[in-house]
Amino acid sequence: PILRRLGDATGGQHLLVHAGRGLEPPGTLISDIVRAETPIRRVGVMAGPLVPEELLASIPAAIVVASRYPEVIRAAQGALSSADFRVYGSDDLTGVELSAALMTVLAFIAGLVTGLGGGVSTRALVVARGLAQSARFLEALGAKSRTLAGLGGVGEVFVTAQGTASPDYELGLAVAKGASFEQALASVGRSSEAPSVAACVARMAAEKKGRAPIFKAVDEILHGQRAPEEALREFFVSAPTEI
């Protein structure tokens, strides 16, 4: 709805860079919605491991801006770069946009296993396996799997899987402590994209007969189809040993 209203005030001459983290069912990227709802064609996405308090304190940080149009990247670099803030460029719009969305689910599962008593090594395990599954998903959708190793993938989850500035991690913690999905969302008080992203990935994997067990487990947990403890136990006992 926001983009639909924006479409009345924009034209083909405009550039747009969004910072969204979601997927719209059945798996539509936000950049595709921008092009569907507005006249804007030159679209980009920004992603990266940003912590608001650190930005305000001018602690060095960086993001990546991805677009199929070099002028979009140059414009973002010109507008946002500073001595303490670097803006990298990428032409893999789909890869960066998908990476940022998928990392919300890995932040959730990191919060979940922490709330269930897991340690740093447990978080590292689920994040590593989640990254491997995410890389296969990127390849299946025509993106570059190596994009996941950049700021929008590994960079983001390095921050969010520790709970820093992540409503998705907080949601996982709340669910692990016994809150229902609705109660957990209310307790977080901020928007979490993990539920919708997990549902989209689980559905798309099923349709393509692919494997995305972490995303499927998160979707089942959030819909009350599986208890978090059961999902974690199955993850260790019956999951294949290859990443």
C-alpha atoms as a PDB file:
ATOM      1  CA  PRO A   1       0.000   0.000   0.000  1.00  0.00           C
ATOM      2  CA  ILE A   2       2.835   2.424   0.744  1.00  0.00           C
ATOM      3  CA  LEU A   3       4.427   1.791  -2.625  1.00  0.00           C
ATOM      4  CA  ARG A   4       1.098   2.154  -4.370  1.00  0.00           C
ATOM      5  CA  ARG A   5       0.760   5.652  -2.906  1.00  0.00           C
ATOM      6  CA  LEU A   6       4.376   6.401  -3.747  1.00  0.00           C
ATOM      7  CA  GLY A   7       3.645   5.468  -7.340  1.00  0.00           C
ATOM      8  CA  ASP A   8       1.430   8.541  -7.706  1.00  0.00           C
ATOM      9  CA  ALA A   9       4.330  10.842  -6.839  1.00  0.00           C
ATOM     10  CA  THR A  10       7.210   9.228  -8.743  1.00  0.00           C
ATOM     11  CA  GLY A  11       8.302   8.672 -12.308  1.00  0.00           C
ATOM     12  CA  GLY A  12      10.784   6.730 -14.370  1.00  0.00           C
ATOM     13  CA  GLN A  13      13.464   9.332 -13.646  1.00  0.00           C
ATOM     14  CA  HIS A  14      13.614   8.427  -9.969  1.00  0.00           C
ATOM     15  CA  LEU A  15      15.983   6.005  -8.268  1.00  0.00           C
ATOM     16  CA  LEU A  16      14.879   3.983  -5.240  1.00  0.00           C
ATOM     17  CA  VAL A  17      16.954   2.056  -2.723  1.00  0.00           C
ATOM     18  CA  HIS A  18      15.013   0.111  -0.094  1.00  0.00           C
ATOM     19  CA  ALA A  19      16.123  -1.517   3.150  1.00  0.00           C
ATOM     20  CA  GLY A  20      13.386  -4.128   3.426  1.00  0.00           C
ATOM     21  CA  ARG A  21      14.101  -7.601   4.751  1.00  0.00           C
ATOM     22  CA  GLY A  22      11.034  -9.560   3.728  1.00  0.00           C
ATOM     23  CA  LEU A  23       9.512 -11.799   1.093  1.00  0.00           C
ATOM     24  CA  GLU A  24       5.900 -11.450   0.115  1.00  0.00           C
ATOM     25  CA  PRO A  25       3.988 -14.701  -0.569  1.00  0.00           C
ATOM     26  CA  PRO A  26       4.564 -16.726  -2.638  1.00  0.00           C
ATOM     27  CA  GLY A  27       8.157 -15.454  -2.542  1.00  0.00           C
ATOM     28  CA  THR A  28       8.068 -12.066  -4.248  1.00  0.00           C
ATOM     29  CA  LEU A  29      11.008  -9.724  -3.688  1.00  0.00           C
ATOM     30  CA  ILE A  30      10.378  -6.171  -2.516  1.00  0.00           C
ATOM     31  CA  SER A  31      12.197  -4.800  -5.568  1.00  0.00           C
ATOM     32  CA  ASP A  32       9.668  -6.613  -7.779  1.00  0.00           C
ATOM     33  CA  ILE A  33       6.834  -4.986  -5.831  1.00  0.00           C
ATOM     34  CA  VAL A  34       8.464  -1.574  -6.327  1.00  0.00           C
ATOM     35  CA  ARG A  35       8.468  -2.107 -10.073  1.00  0.00           C
ATOM     36  CA  ALA A  36       4.906  -3.438 -10.041  1.00  0.00           C
ATOM     37  CA  GLU A  37       3.419  -0.598  -7.981  1.00  0.00           C
ATOM     38  CA  THR A  38       5.447   2.421  -9.172  1.00  0.00           C
ATOM     39  CA  PRO A  39       6.894   3.755 -12.440  1.00  0.00           C
ATOM     40  CA  ILE A  40      10.386   3.391 -10.920  1.00  0.00           C
ATOM     41  CA  ARG A  41      12.583   0.874 -12.713  1.00  0.00           C
ATOM     42  CA  ARG A  42      16.031   1.675 -11.319  1.00  0.00           C
ATOM     43  CA  VAL A  43      15.797  -0.075  -7.960  1.00  0.00           C
ATOM     44  CA  GLY A  44      18.394  -1.084  -5.384  1.00  0.00           C
ATOM     45  CA  VAL A  45      18.551  -2.696  -1.951  1.00  0.00           C
ATOM     46  CA  MET A  46      20.814  -1.923   0.981  1.00  0.00           C
ATOM     47  CA  ALA A  47      21.863  -4.456   3.586  1.00  0.00           C
ATOM     48  CA  GLY A  48      24.563  -4.913   6.164  1.00  0.00           C
ATOM     49  CA  PRO A  49      25.485  -5.366   9.822  1.00  0.00           C
ATOM     50  CA  LEU A  50      24.292  -2.058  11.217  1.00  0.00           C
ATOM     51  CA  VAL A  51      23.768  -1.257  14.903  1.00  0.00           C
ATOM     52  CA  PRO A  52      21.927   2.059  15.397  1.00  0.00           C
ATOM     53  CA  GLU A  53      23.760   3.019  18.588  1.00  0.00           C
ATOM     54  CA  GLU A  54      27.117   2.437  16.905  1.00  0.00           C
ATOM     55  CA  LEU A  55      26.115   4.516  13.891  1.00  0.00           C
ATOM     56  CA  LEU A  56      25.182   7.397  16.178  1.00  0.00           C
ATOM     57  CA  ALA A  57      28.568   7.079  17.883  1.00  0.00           C
ATOM     58  CA  SER A  58      30.388   7.169  14.496  1.00  0.00           C
ATOM     59  CA  ILE A  59      31.866   3.710  15.022  1.00  0.00           C
ATOM     60  CA  PRO A  60      33.104   2.474  11.603  1.00  0.00           C
ATOM     61  CA  ALA A  61      30.565   0.381   9.695  1.00  0.00           C
ATOM     62  CA  ALA A  62      29.617  -0.569   6.150  1.00  0.00           C
ATOM     63  CA  ILE A  63      26.727  -1.727   4.019  1.00  0.00           C
ATOM     64  CA  VAL A  64      26.306  -3.077   0.513  1.00  0.00           C
ATOM     65  CA  VAL A  65      23.980  -1.529  -2.035  1.00  0.00           C
ATOM     66  CA  ALA A  66      22.970  -3.866  -4.841  1.00  0.00           C
ATOM     67  CA  SER A  67      21.347  -2.894  -8.108  1.00  0.00           C
ATOM     68  CA  ARG A  68      21.365  -3.846 -11.756  1.00  0.00           C
ATOM     69  CA  TYR A  69      21.936  -0.153 -12.494  1.00  0.00           C
ATOM     70  CA  PRO A  70      25.404   1.284 -11.691  1.00  0.00           C
ATOM     71  CA  GLU A  71      23.953   4.785 -11.321  1.00  0.00           C
ATOM     72  CA  VAL A  72      21.827   3.594  -8.397  1.00  0.00           C
ATOM     73  CA  ILE A  73      24.918   2.310  -6.590  1.00  0.00           C
ATOM     74  CA  ARG A  74      26.849   5.515  -7.321  1.00  0.00           C
ATOM     75  CA  ALA A  75      23.972   7.663  -6.063  1.00  0.00           C
ATOM     76  CA  ALA A  76      23.724   5.680  -2.827  1.00  0.00           C
ATOM     77  CA  GLN A  77      27.478   5.867  -2.313  1.00  0.00           C
ATOM     78  CA  GLY A  78      27.437   9.607  -2.882  1.00  0.00           C
ATOM     79  CA  ALA A  79      24.520  10.141  -0.491  1.00  0.00           C
ATOM     80  CA  LEU A  80      25.571   7.829   2.334  1.00  0.00           C
ATOM     81  CA  SER A  81      29.354   7.440   2.394  1.00  0.00           C
ATOM     82  CA  SER A  82      31.401   9.176   5.052  1.00  0.00           C
ATOM     83  CA  ALA A  83      34.744   8.808   6.821  1.00  0.00           C
ATOM     84  CA  ASP A  84      33.185   6.252   9.187  1.00  0.00           C
ATOM     85  CA  PHE A  85      30.674   4.653   6.836  1.00  0.00           C
ATOM     86  CA  ARG A  86      31.539   2.737   3.690  1.00  0.00           C
ATOM     87  CA  VAL A  87      29.078   1.724   0.971  1.00  0.00           C
ATOM     88  CA  TYR A  88      30.078  -1.257  -1.168  1.00  0.00           C
ATOM     89  CA  GLY A  89      28.389  -2.027  -4.472  1.00  0.00           C
ATOM     90  CA  SER A  90      27.043  -5.249  -5.968  1.00  0.00           C
ATOM     91  CA  ASP A  91      25.221  -6.085  -9.185  1.00  0.00           C
ATOM     92  CA  ASP A  92      23.509  -9.112  -7.589  1.00  0.00           C
ATOM     93  CA  LEU A  93      20.251  -7.460  -6.574  1.00  0.00           C
ATOM     94  CA  THR A  94      18.411 -10.752  -6.134  1.00  0.00           C
ATOM     95  CA  GLY A  95      21.249 -12.272  -4.114  1.00  0.00           C
ATOM     96  CA  VAL A  96      21.585  -9.398  -1.648  1.00  0.00           C
ATOM     97  CA  GLU A  97      17.827  -9.016  -1.280  1.00  0.00           C
ATOM     98  CA  LEU A  98      17.334 -12.739  -0.657  1.00  0.00           C
ATOM     99  CA  SER A  99      20.315 -12.927   1.704  1.00  0.00           C
ATOM    100  CA  ALA A 100      18.964 -10.137   3.899  1.00  0.00           C
ATOM    101  CA  ALA A 101      15.532 -11.787   4.008  1.00  0.00           C
ATOM    102  CA  LEU A 102      16.844 -15.284   4.784  1.00  0.00           C
ATOM    103  CA  MET A 103      19.065 -14.007   7.601  1.00  0.00           C
ATOM    104  CA  THR A 104      15.966 -12.997   9.557  1.00  0.00           C
ATOM    105  CA  VAL A 105      15.095 -16.692   9.917  1.00  0.00           C
ATOM    106  CA  LEU A 106      18.615 -17.572  11.049  1.00  0.00           C
ATOM    107  CA  ALA A 107      18.429 -14.829  13.675  1.00  0.00           C
ATOM    108  CA  PHE A 108      15.138 -16.337  14.869  1.00  0.00           C
ATOM    109  CA  ILE A 109      16.542 -19.871  15.133  1.00  0.00           C
ATOM    110  CA  ALA A 110      19.613 -18.510  16.956  1.00  0.00           C
ATOM    111  CA  GLY A 111      17.325 -16.866  19.509  1.00  0.00           C
ATOM    112  CA  LEU A 112      15.263 -20.035  19.783  1.00  0.00           C
ATOM    113  CA  VAL A 113      18.175 -22.357  20.526  1.00  0.00           C
ATOM    114  CA  THR A 114      19.602 -19.852  23.004  1.00  0.00           C
ATOM    115  CA  GLY A 115      16.274 -19.710  24.812  1.00  0.00           C
ATOM    116  CA  LEU A 116      16.197 -23.521  24.924  1.00  0.00           C
ATOM    117  CA  GLY A 117      19.551 -23.621  26.674  1.00  0.00           C
ATOM    118  CA  GLY A 118      21.932 -23.872  23.744  1.00  0.00           C
ATOM    119  CA  GLY A 119      25.314 -22.196  23.853  1.00  0.00           C
ATOM    120  CA  VAL A 120      27.488 -20.262  21.426  1.00  0.00           C
ATOM    121  CA  SER A 121      28.476 -23.488  19.673  1.00  0.00           C
ATOM    122  CA  THR A 122      24.793 -24.386  19.203  1.00  0.00           C
ATOM    123  CA  ARG A 123      24.085 -21.015  17.636  1.00  0.00           C
ATOM    124  CA  ALA A 124      27.118 -21.433  15.394  1.00  0.00           C
ATOM    125  CA  LEU A 125      25.842 -24.849  14.289  1.00  0.00           C
ATOM    126  CA  VAL A 126      22.343 -23.727  13.304  1.00  0.00           C
ATOM    127  CA  VAL A 127      23.647 -20.582  11.617  1.00  0.00           C
ATOM    128  CA  ALA A 128      26.253 -22.546   9.619  1.00  0.00           C
ATOM    129  CA  ARG A 129      23.673 -25.071   8.466  1.00  0.00           C
ATOM    130  CA  GLY A 130      21.208 -22.304   7.746  1.00  0.00           C
ATOM    131  CA  LEU A 131      23.777 -20.521   5.584  1.00  0.00           C
ATOM    132  CA  ALA A 132      24.370 -23.715   3.585  1.00  0.00           C
ATOM    133  CA  GLN A 133      20.635 -24.117   3.005  1.00  0.00           C
ATOM    134  CA  SER A 134      20.342 -20.424   2.107  1.00  0.00           C
ATOM    135  CA  ALA A 135      23.132 -20.743  -0.469  1.00  0.00           C
ATOM    136  CA  ARG A 136      21.263 -23.552  -2.216  1.00  0.00           C
ATOM    137  CA  PHE A 137      18.125 -21.414  -2.204  1.00  0.00           C
ATOM    138  CA  LEU A 138      19.954 -18.474  -3.799  1.00  0.00           C
ATOM    139  CA  GLU A 139      21.309 -20.713  -6.552  1.00  0.00           C
ATOM    140  CA  ALA A 140      17.859 -22.167  -7.214  1.00  0.00           C
ATOM    141  CA  LEU A 141      16.498 -18.653  -7.786  1.00  0.00           C
ATOM    142  CA  GLY A 142      19.301 -17.590 -10.110  1.00  0.00           C
ATOM    143  CA  ALA A 143      21.358 -15.550  -7.646  1.00  0.00           C
ATOM    144  CA  LYS A 144      25.054 -15.952  -6.842  1.00  0.00           C
ATOM    145  CA  SER A 145      25.566 -18.140  -3.784  1.00  0.00           C
ATOM    146  CA  ARG A 146      28.818 -16.320  -2.977  1.00  0.00           C
ATOM    147  CA  THR A 147      26.783 -13.161  -2.347  1.00  0.00           C
ATOM    148  CA  LEU A 148      25.672 -14.807   0.893  1.00  0.00           C
ATOM    149  CA  ALA A 149      29.249 -14.478   2.208  1.00  0.00           C
ATOM    150  CA  GLY A 150      29.047 -10.689   1.976  1.00  0.00           C
ATOM    151  CA  LEU A 151      27.684  -7.937   4.189  1.00  0.00           C
ATOM    152  CA  GLY A 152      24.015  -8.690   3.431  1.00  0.00           C
ATOM    153  CA  GLY A 153      24.339 -12.345   4.452  1.00  0.00           C
ATOM    154  CA  VAL A 154      27.117 -13.381   6.818  1.00  0.00           C
ATOM    155  CA  GLY A 155      27.661  -9.741   7.793  1.00  0.00           C
ATOM    156  CA  GLU A 156      24.074  -9.288   8.929  1.00  0.00           C
ATOM    157  CA  VAL A 157      23.706 -12.617  10.712  1.00  0.00           C
ATOM    158  CA  PHE A 158      27.009 -12.088  12.543  1.00  0.00           C
ATOM    159  CA  VAL A 159      25.234  -9.244  14.356  1.00  0.00           C
ATOM    160  CA  THR A 160      21.649 -10.488  14.553  1.00  0.00           C
ATOM    161  CA  ALA A 161      22.430 -14.058  15.674  1.00  0.00           C
ATOM    162  CA  GLN A 162      23.892 -12.512  18.822  1.00  0.00           C
ATOM    163  CA  GLY A 163      20.649 -10.693  19.474  1.00  0.00           C
ATOM    164  CA  THR A 164      22.023  -7.252  18.638  1.00  0.00           C
ATOM    165  CA  ALA A 165      19.284  -5.002  17.267  1.00  0.00           C
ATOM    166  CA  SER A 166      17.269  -8.001  16.064  1.00  0.00           C
ATOM    167  CA  PRO A 167      13.519  -8.409  16.619  1.00  0.00           C
ATOM    168  CA  ASP A 168      13.799 -11.826  14.957  1.00  0.00           C
ATOM    169  CA  TYR A 169      16.241 -13.063  17.608  1.00  0.00           C
ATOM    170  CA  GLU A 170      13.992 -11.644  20.339  1.00  0.00           C
ATOM    171  CA  LEU A 171      11.009 -13.446  18.811  1.00  0.00           C
ATOM    172  CA  GLY A 172      12.921 -16.725  18.926  1.00  0.00           C
ATOM    173  CA  LEU A 173      13.781 -16.176  22.580  1.00  0.00           C
ATOM    174  CA  ALA A 174      10.144 -15.457  23.449  1.00  0.00           C
ATOM    175  CA  VAL A 175       8.870 -18.572  21.651  1.00  0.00           C
ATOM    176  CA  ALA A 176      11.495 -20.718  23.403  1.00  0.00           C
ATOM    177  CA  LYS A 177      10.221 -19.467  26.742  1.00  0.00           C
ATOM    178  CA  GLY A 178       6.734 -20.778  25.968  1.00  0.00           C
ATOM    179  CA  ALA A 179       4.989 -17.760  24.463  1.00  0.00           C
ATOM    180  CA  SER A 180       2.556 -18.335  21.627  1.00  0.00           C
ATOM    181  CA  PHE A 181       3.349 -16.774  18.270  1.00  0.00           C
ATOM    182  CA  GLU A 182       0.922 -13.921  18.932  1.00  0.00           C
ATOM    183  CA  GLN A 183       2.205 -13.366  22.480  1.00  0.00           C
ATOM    184  CA  ALA A 184       5.799 -13.414  21.262  1.00  0.00           C
ATOM    185  CA  LEU A 185       5.089 -10.838  18.558  1.00  0.00           C
ATOM    186  CA  ALA A 186       3.404  -8.584  21.098  1.00  0.00           C
ATOM    187  CA  SER A 187       6.306  -8.904  23.544  1.00  0.00           C
ATOM    188  CA  VAL A 188       8.881  -8.038  20.885  1.00  0.00           C
ATOM    189  CA  GLY A 189       6.986  -4.883  19.968  1.00  0.00           C
ATOM    190  CA  ARG A 190       8.839  -4.546  16.662  1.00  0.00           C
ATOM    191  CA  SER A 191       8.291  -5.982  13.233  1.00  0.00           C
ATOM    192  CA  SER A 192       9.771  -9.425  12.610  1.00  0.00           C
ATOM    193  CA  GLU A 193      10.098 -10.708   9.061  1.00  0.00           C
ATOM    194  CA  ALA A 194      11.199 -14.229  10.023  1.00  0.00           C
ATOM    195  CA  PRO A 195       7.683 -15.777  10.076  1.00  0.00           C
ATOM    196  CA  SER A 196       6.709 -14.725   6.560  1.00  0.00           C
ATOM    197  CA  VAL A 197      10.151 -15.493   5.117  1.00  0.00           C
ATOM    198  CA  ALA A 198      10.206 -18.987   6.672  1.00  0.00           C
ATOM    199  CA  ALA A 199       6.724 -19.697   5.310  1.00  0.00           C
ATOM    200  CA  CYS A 200       7.698 -18.571   1.801  1.00  0.00           C
ATOM    201  CA  VAL A 201      10.910 -20.612   1.736  1.00  0.00           C
ATOM    202  CA  ALA A 202       9.246 -23.731   3.156  1.00  0.00           C
ATOM    203  CA  ARG A 203       6.478 -23.517   0.555  1.00  0.00           C
ATOM    204  CA  MET A 204       8.857 -22.910  -2.345  1.00  0.00           C
ATOM    205  CA  ALA A 205      11.158 -25.745  -1.242  1.00  0.00           C
ATOM    206  CA  ALA A 206       8.205 -28.137  -1.095  1.00  0.00           C
ATOM    207  CA  GLU A 207       7.024 -27.096  -4.557  1.00  0.00           C
ATOM    208  CA  LYS A 208      10.495 -27.566  -6.061  1.00  0.00           C
ATOM    209  CA  LYS A 209      11.161 -30.726  -4.028  1.00  0.00           C
ATOM    210  CA  GLY A 210      14.150 -29.005  -2.442  1.00  0.00           C
ATOM    211  CA  ARG A 211      15.540 -29.233   1.091  1.00  0.00           C
ATOM    212  CA  ALA A 212      15.256 -26.350   3.522  1.00  0.00           C
ATOM    213  CA  PRO A 213      14.777 -28.140   6.876  1.00  0.00           C
ATOM    214  CA  ILE A 214      15.636 -25.199   9.129  1.00  0.00           C
ATOM    215  CA  PHE A 215      13.167 -22.935   7.364  1.00  0.00           C
ATOM    216  CA  LYS A 216      10.527 -25.664   7.389  1.00  0.00           C
ATOM    217  CA  ALA A 217      11.067 -26.265  11.115  1.00  0.00           C
ATOM    218  CA  VAL A 218      10.740 -22.546  11.907  1.00  0.00           C
ATOM    219  CA  ASP A 219       7.521 -22.354   9.890  1.00  0.00           C
ATOM    220  CA  GLU A 220       6.079 -25.378  11.723  1.00  0.00           C
ATOM    221  CA  ILE A 221       7.088 -24.022  15.124  1.00  0.00           C
ATOM    222  CA  LEU A 222       5.501 -20.645  14.467  1.00  0.00           C
ATOM    223  CA  HIS A 223       2.272 -22.270  13.284  1.00  0.00           C
ATOM    224  CA  GLY A 224       2.073 -24.509  16.349  1.00  0.00           C
ATOM    225  CA  GLN A 225       2.640 -27.677  14.324  1.00  0.00           C
ATOM    226  CA  ARG A 226       5.766 -28.657  16.236  1.00  0.00           C
ATOM    227  CA  ALA A 227       7.139 -27.907  19.687  1.00  0.00           C
ATOM    228  CA  PRO A 228      10.491 -26.057  19.690  1.00  0.00           C
ATOM    229  CA  GLU A 229      12.128 -28.749  21.840  1.00  0.00           C
ATOM    230  CA  GLU A 230      10.987 -31.482  19.447  1.00  0.00           C
ATOM    231  CA  ALA A 231      12.318 -29.594  16.435  1.00  0.00           C
ATOM    232  CA  LEU A 232      15.699 -29.058  18.079  1.00  0.00           C
ATOM    233  CA  ARG A 233      15.940 -32.694  19.164  1.00  0.00           C
ATOM    234  CA  GLU A 234      15.129 -33.871  15.626  1.00  0.00           C
ATOM    235  CA  PHE A 235      17.699 -31.450  14.286  1.00  0.00           C
ATOM    236  CA  PHE A 236      20.442 -33.217  16.247  1.00  0.00           C
ATOM    237  CA  VAL A 237      19.210 -36.804  16.147  1.00  0.00           C
ATOM    238  CA  SER A 238      17.759 -37.438  12.703  1.00  0.00           C
ATOM    239  CA  ALA A 239      19.146 -34.694  10.468  1.00  0.00           C
ATOM    240  CA  PRO A 240      21.681 -35.745   7.787  1.00  0.00           C
ATOM    241  CA  THR A 241      25.266 -35.142   8.854  1.00  0.00           C
ATOM    242  CA  GLU A 242      26.307 -33.291   5.710  1.00  0.00           C
ATOM    243  CA  ILE A 243      25.914 -29.523   5.836  1.00  0.00           C
END
